[in-house]
């Protein structure tokens, strides 16, 4: 009541939820400190939303990848697997993999992003029928990389020279799980 906010089913449909999302987008651009300074200078939630609007470009980028996911991703039906490599300086693969996994809960979703000499990996499976932690660890065995996480979500990285072998293993192990 104090801030004149309505309670919504989805927190991200509220002004506070939008600010939270914009903070994440600022982090994706390595601009957390600047973002928090903008929030601290704002006198109202509306003013904060206007100040943070520059981070909306990250949402546009995420929405674009999400919208074009099925046409851009490699589909491996026998492995119940989608693999998408994104090309952006923004750190969005984890957030994007969560969104895509919600849309495709019965598929293994792998989002890849090359950073320097490594391919970074975000793995998701919303229905919990395959263990993403196990999938990444097995796929990375004896390669120069690391990974881990939980049943529905895991992350990791592999050096570029080992990436083709990792990808080959990933497809086979996902099929055999």
C-alpha atoms as a PDB file:
ATOM      1  CA  UNK A   1       0.000   0.000   0.000  1.00  0.00           C
ATOM      2  CA  UNK A   2       2.741   2.431   0.965  1.00  0.00           C
ATOM      3  CA  UNK A   3       4.213   2.319  -2.545  1.00  0.00           C
ATOM      4  CA  UNK A   4       0.874   2.002  -4.325  1.00  0.00           C
ATOM      5  CA  UNK A   5       1.793  -1.353  -5.889  1.00  0.00           C
ATOM      6  CA  UNK A   6      -0.690  -3.985  -7.036  1.00  0.00           C
ATOM      7  CA  UNK A   7      -0.068  -7.644  -6.231  1.00  0.00           C
ATOM      8  CA  UNK A   8       0.214  -9.669  -9.446  1.00  0.00           C
ATOM      9  CA  UNK A   9       0.381 -13.431 -10.018  1.00  0.00           C
ATOM     10  CA  UNK A  10       3.757 -13.107 -11.731  1.00  0.00           C
ATOM     11  CA  UNK A  11       6.224 -10.914  -9.818  1.00  0.00           C
ATOM     12  CA  UNK A  12       7.843  -9.882 -13.120  1.00  0.00           C
ATOM     13  CA  UNK A  13       4.564  -8.223 -14.138  1.00  0.00           C
ATOM     14  CA  UNK A  14       4.995  -5.690 -11.321  1.00  0.00           C
ATOM     15  CA  UNK A  15       7.121  -2.527 -11.304  1.00  0.00           C
ATOM     16  CA  UNK A  16       9.437  -4.094  -8.717  1.00  0.00           C
ATOM     17  CA  UNK A  17       9.680  -7.191 -10.923  1.00  0.00           C
ATOM     18  CA  UNK A  18      10.602  -5.055 -13.931  1.00  0.00           C
ATOM     19  CA  UNK A  19      13.308  -3.312 -11.903  1.00  0.00           C
ATOM     20  CA  UNK A  20      14.644  -6.697 -10.791  1.00  0.00           C
ATOM     21  CA  UNK A  21      14.802  -7.825 -14.415  1.00  0.00           C
ATOM     22  CA  UNK A  22      16.568  -4.602 -15.465  1.00  0.00           C
ATOM     23  CA  UNK A  23      19.132  -5.109 -12.671  1.00  0.00           C
ATOM     24  CA  UNK A  24      19.856  -8.552 -14.112  1.00  0.00           C
ATOM     25  CA  UNK A  25      20.248  -7.027 -17.577  1.00  0.00           C
ATOM     26  CA  UNK A  26      22.688  -4.456 -16.184  1.00  0.00           C
ATOM     27  CA  UNK A  27      24.700  -7.328 -14.674  1.00  0.00           C
ATOM     28  CA  UNK A  28      24.689  -9.042 -18.084  1.00  0.00           C
ATOM     29  CA  UNK A  29      26.484  -5.938 -19.391  1.00  0.00           C
ATOM     30  CA  UNK A  30      28.868  -5.742 -16.392  1.00  0.00           C
ATOM     31  CA  UNK A  31      27.204  -2.492 -15.304  1.00  0.00           C
ATOM     32  CA  UNK A  32      25.861  -3.446 -11.855  1.00  0.00           C
ATOM     33  CA  UNK A  33      27.427  -0.549  -9.990  1.00  0.00           C
ATOM     34  CA  UNK A  34      26.129   2.047 -12.435  1.00  0.00           C
ATOM     35  CA  UNK A  35      22.688   0.427 -12.295  1.00  0.00           C
ATOM     36  CA  UNK A  36      22.513   0.573  -8.508  1.00  0.00           C
ATOM     37  CA  UNK A  37      23.657   4.199  -8.547  1.00  0.00           C
ATOM     38  CA  UNK A  38      20.795   5.018 -10.925  1.00  0.00           C
ATOM     39  CA  UNK A  39      18.339   3.300  -8.582  1.00  0.00           C
ATOM     40  CA  UNK A  40      19.714   5.124  -5.536  1.00  0.00           C
ATOM     41  CA  UNK A  41      19.347   8.486  -7.293  1.00  0.00           C
ATOM     42  CA  UNK A  42      15.722   7.775  -8.228  1.00  0.00           C
ATOM     43  CA  UNK A  43      13.017   9.235  -6.014  1.00  0.00           C
ATOM     44  CA  UNK A  44      10.212   6.967  -7.249  1.00  0.00           C
ATOM     45  CA  UNK A  45       9.813   3.548  -8.809  1.00  0.00           C
ATOM     46  CA  UNK A  46       8.673   5.220 -12.027  1.00  0.00           C
ATOM     47  CA  UNK A  47      11.817   7.366 -12.093  1.00  0.00           C
ATOM     48  CA  UNK A  48      13.952   4.254 -11.525  1.00  0.00           C
ATOM     49  CA  UNK A  49      12.247   2.486 -14.438  1.00  0.00           C
ATOM     50  CA  UNK A  50      12.969   5.455 -16.709  1.00  0.00           C
ATOM     51  CA  UNK A  51      16.615   5.617 -15.531  1.00  0.00           C
ATOM     52  CA  UNK A  52      17.111   1.890 -16.108  1.00  0.00           C
ATOM     53  CA  UNK A  53      15.477   1.866 -19.540  1.00  0.00           C
ATOM     54  CA  UNK A  54      18.890   1.672 -21.248  1.00  0.00           C
ATOM     55  CA  UNK A  55      19.186  -1.929 -20.036  1.00  0.00           C
ATOM     56  CA  UNK A  56      16.034  -2.863 -21.944  1.00  0.00           C
ATOM     57  CA  UNK A  57      18.263  -3.598 -24.973  1.00  0.00           C
ATOM     58  CA  UNK A  58      19.346  -6.823 -23.251  1.00  0.00           C
ATOM     59  CA  UNK A  59      15.707  -7.910 -22.974  1.00  0.00           C
ATOM     60  CA  UNK A  60      15.272  -7.239 -26.689  1.00  0.00           C
ATOM     61  CA  UNK A  61      18.316  -9.425 -27.388  1.00  0.00           C
ATOM     62  CA  UNK A  62      17.014 -12.239 -25.149  1.00  0.00           C
ATOM     63  CA  UNK A  63      13.546 -12.029 -26.705  1.00  0.00           C
ATOM     64  CA  UNK A  64      15.113 -12.240 -30.163  1.00  0.00           C
ATOM     65  CA  UNK A  65      17.058 -15.400 -29.293  1.00  0.00           C
ATOM     66  CA  UNK A  66      13.986 -16.894 -27.600  1.00  0.00           C
ATOM     67  CA  UNK A  67      11.731 -16.097 -30.559  1.00  0.00           C
ATOM     68  CA  UNK A  68      14.135 -17.568 -33.121  1.00  0.00           C
ATOM     69  CA  UNK A  69      15.308 -20.453 -30.950  1.00  0.00           C
ATOM     70  CA  UNK A  70      13.784 -23.332 -32.916  1.00  0.00           C
ATOM     71  CA  UNK A  71      14.996 -22.066 -36.292  1.00  0.00           C
ATOM     72  CA  UNK A  72      18.517 -21.249 -35.031  1.00  0.00           C
ATOM     73  CA  UNK A  73      19.161 -24.160 -32.650  1.00  0.00           C
ATOM     74  CA  UNK A  74      20.588 -27.488 -33.755  1.00  0.00           C
ATOM     75  CA  UNK A  75      17.949 -30.149 -33.087  1.00  0.00           C
ATOM     76  CA  UNK A  76      18.994 -33.700 -32.189  1.00  0.00           C
ATOM     77  CA  UNK A  77      15.645 -35.529 -31.819  1.00  0.00           C
ATOM     78  CA  UNK A  78      17.217 -38.917 -30.932  1.00  0.00           C
ATOM     79  CA  UNK A  79      19.023 -37.226 -28.038  1.00  0.00           C
ATOM     80  CA  UNK A  80      16.040 -35.054 -27.083  1.00  0.00           C
ATOM     81  CA  UNK A  81      18.473 -32.172 -27.400  1.00  0.00           C
ATOM     82  CA  UNK A  82      18.594 -28.606 -28.675  1.00  0.00           C
ATOM     83  CA  UNK A  83      21.969 -26.820 -28.911  1.00  0.00           C
ATOM     84  CA  UNK A  84      22.246 -23.093 -29.577  1.00  0.00           C
ATOM     85  CA  UNK A  85      25.429 -21.059 -29.717  1.00  0.00           C
ATOM     86  CA  UNK A  86      24.806 -17.396 -28.991  1.00  0.00           C
ATOM     87  CA  UNK A  87      27.024 -14.563 -30.191  1.00  0.00           C
ATOM     88  CA  UNK A  88      26.789 -11.604 -27.853  1.00  0.00           C
ATOM     89  CA  UNK A  89      28.965  -9.773 -25.339  1.00  0.00           C
ATOM     90  CA  UNK A  90      26.042  -9.935 -22.865  1.00  0.00           C
ATOM     91  CA  UNK A  91      26.092 -12.668 -20.230  1.00  0.00           C
ATOM     92  CA  UNK A  92      22.618 -14.034 -20.958  1.00  0.00           C
ATOM     93  CA  UNK A  93      23.022 -17.765 -21.570  1.00  0.00           C
ATOM     94  CA  UNK A  94      21.820 -18.879 -18.125  1.00  0.00           C
ATOM     95  CA  UNK A  95      18.748 -16.630 -18.222  1.00  0.00           C
ATOM     96  CA  UNK A  96      18.015 -17.606 -21.827  1.00  0.00           C
ATOM     97  CA  UNK A  97      18.376 -21.325 -21.100  1.00  0.00           C
ATOM     98  CA  UNK A  98      15.850 -21.005 -18.257  1.00  0.00           C
ATOM     99  CA  UNK A  99      13.328 -19.287 -20.542  1.00  0.00           C
ATOM    100  CA  UNK A 100      13.791 -21.771 -23.389  1.00  0.00           C
ATOM    101  CA  UNK A 101      13.599 -24.742 -21.021  1.00  0.00           C
ATOM    102  CA  UNK A 102      10.255 -23.511 -19.705  1.00  0.00           C
ATOM    103  CA  UNK A 103       8.961 -23.483 -23.284  1.00  0.00           C
ATOM    104  CA  UNK A 104      10.491 -26.928 -24.059  1.00  0.00           C
ATOM    105  CA  UNK A 105      10.343 -28.751 -20.675  1.00  0.00           C
ATOM    106  CA  UNK A 106      10.832 -32.238 -22.174  1.00  0.00           C
ATOM    107  CA  UNK A 107      14.028 -31.357 -24.048  1.00  0.00           C
ATOM    108  CA  UNK A 108      17.656 -30.974 -23.019  1.00  0.00           C
ATOM    109  CA  UNK A 109      18.519 -27.344 -23.706  1.00  0.00           C
ATOM    110  CA  UNK A 110      22.161 -26.402 -24.202  1.00  0.00           C
ATOM    111  CA  UNK A 111      23.115 -22.760 -24.702  1.00  0.00           C
ATOM    112  CA  UNK A 112      26.747 -22.112 -25.638  1.00  0.00           C
ATOM    113  CA  UNK A 113      28.753 -18.894 -25.642  1.00  0.00           C
ATOM    114  CA  UNK A 114      32.403 -18.531 -26.643  1.00  0.00           C
ATOM    115  CA  UNK A 115      34.350 -16.367 -24.211  1.00  0.00           C
ATOM    116  CA  UNK A 116      38.038 -15.963 -25.053  1.00  0.00           C
ATOM    117  CA  UNK A 117      39.471 -19.493 -25.520  1.00  0.00           C
ATOM    118  CA  UNK A 118      36.574 -21.335 -23.868  1.00  0.00           C
ATOM    119  CA  UNK A 119      33.098 -22.396 -24.829  1.00  0.00           C
ATOM    120  CA  UNK A 120      30.856 -21.735 -21.842  1.00  0.00           C
ATOM    121  CA  UNK A 121      27.834 -23.975 -21.358  1.00  0.00           C
ATOM    122  CA  UNK A 122      24.411 -23.644 -19.771  1.00  0.00           C
ATOM    123  CA  UNK A 123      22.315 -26.840 -19.619  1.00  0.00           C
ATOM    124  CA  UNK A 124      18.641 -27.083 -18.614  1.00  0.00           C
ATOM    125  CA  UNK A 125      15.892 -29.712 -18.490  1.00  0.00           C
ATOM    126  CA  UNK A 126      12.695 -28.512 -16.798  1.00  0.00           C
ATOM    127  CA  UNK A 127      10.905 -31.846 -16.426  1.00  0.00           C
ATOM    128  CA  UNK A 128      13.805 -33.390 -14.467  1.00  0.00           C
ATOM    129  CA  UNK A 129      13.843 -36.566 -16.586  1.00  0.00           C
ATOM    130  CA  UNK A 130      17.547 -36.232 -17.374  1.00  0.00           C
ATOM    131  CA  UNK A 131      20.218 -35.057 -14.977  1.00  0.00           C
ATOM    132  CA  UNK A 132      21.998 -32.006 -16.389  1.00  0.00           C
ATOM    133  CA  UNK A 133      24.804 -32.207 -13.799  1.00  0.00           C
ATOM    134  CA  UNK A 134      25.540 -35.798 -14.834  1.00  0.00           C
ATOM    135  CA  UNK A 135      25.193 -34.977 -18.551  1.00  0.00           C
ATOM    136  CA  UNK A 136      27.805 -32.210 -18.384  1.00  0.00           C
ATOM    137  CA  UNK A 137      30.222 -34.081 -16.112  1.00  0.00           C
ATOM    138  CA  UNK A 138      30.144 -37.195 -18.308  1.00  0.00           C
ATOM    139  CA  UNK A 139      30.503 -35.153 -21.502  1.00  0.00           C
ATOM    140  CA  UNK A 140      33.509 -33.264 -20.086  1.00  0.00           C
ATOM    141  CA  UNK A 141      35.325 -36.320 -18.674  1.00  0.00           C
ATOM    142  CA  UNK A 142      39.049 -36.282 -19.506  1.00  0.00           C
ATOM    143  CA  UNK A 143      38.699 -32.997 -21.423  1.00  0.00           C
ATOM    144  CA  UNK A 144      40.092 -29.628 -20.392  1.00  0.00           C
ATOM    145  CA  UNK A 145      36.959 -28.179 -18.891  1.00  0.00           C
ATOM    146  CA  UNK A 146      34.689 -28.329 -15.915  1.00  0.00           C
ATOM    147  CA  UNK A 147      31.008 -28.439 -15.165  1.00  0.00           C
ATOM    148  CA  UNK A 148      28.452 -29.145 -12.546  1.00  0.00           C
ATOM    149  CA  UNK A 149      25.163 -28.172 -11.080  1.00  0.00           C
ATOM    150  CA  UNK A 150      21.922 -29.902 -10.243  1.00  0.00           C
ATOM    151  CA  UNK A 151      19.403 -32.253 -11.810  1.00  0.00           C
ATOM    152  CA  UNK A 152      17.493 -29.585 -13.803  1.00  0.00           C
ATOM    153  CA  UNK A 153      20.329 -27.086 -14.339  1.00  0.00           C
ATOM    154  CA  UNK A 154      24.087 -27.136 -14.805  1.00  0.00           C
ATOM    155  CA  UNK A 155      26.838 -25.014 -16.258  1.00  0.00           C
ATOM    156  CA  UNK A 156      30.428 -25.327 -17.282  1.00  0.00           C
ATOM    157  CA  UNK A 157      33.096 -24.601 -19.828  1.00  0.00           C
ATOM    158  CA  UNK A 158      35.521 -26.398 -22.104  1.00  0.00           C
ATOM    159  CA  UNK A 159      38.590 -25.083 -23.923  1.00  0.00           C
ATOM    160  CA  UNK A 160      37.980 -24.571 -27.632  1.00  0.00           C
ATOM    161  CA  UNK A 161      40.362 -27.298 -28.812  1.00  0.00           C
ATOM    162  CA  UNK A 162      38.248 -29.856 -26.870  1.00  0.00           C
ATOM    163  CA  UNK A 163      34.882 -28.396 -27.847  1.00  0.00           C
ATOM    164  CA  UNK A 164      34.225 -30.676 -30.885  1.00  0.00           C
ATOM    165  CA  UNK A 165      34.880 -33.788 -28.748  1.00  0.00           C
ATOM    166  CA  UNK A 166      32.665 -32.397 -25.967  1.00  0.00           C
ATOM    167  CA  UNK A 167      29.808 -31.758 -28.385  1.00  0.00           C
ATOM    168  CA  UNK A 168      30.117 -35.231 -29.916  1.00  0.00           C
ATOM    169  CA  UNK A 169      30.005 -36.817 -26.440  1.00  0.00           C
ATOM    170  CA  UNK A 170      27.141 -34.602 -25.314  1.00  0.00           C
ATOM    171  CA  UNK A 171      24.933 -35.733 -28.188  1.00  0.00           C
ATOM    172  CA  UNK A 172      25.766 -39.418 -27.614  1.00  0.00           C
ATOM    173  CA  UNK A 173      25.430 -39.335 -23.809  1.00  0.00           C
ATOM    174  CA  UNK A 174      22.120 -37.455 -23.976  1.00  0.00           C
ATOM    175  CA  UNK A 175      20.832 -40.145 -26.338  1.00  0.00           C
ATOM    176  CA  UNK A 176      21.976 -42.978 -24.038  1.00  0.00           C
ATOM    177  CA  UNK A 177      20.671 -41.484 -20.768  1.00  0.00           C
END
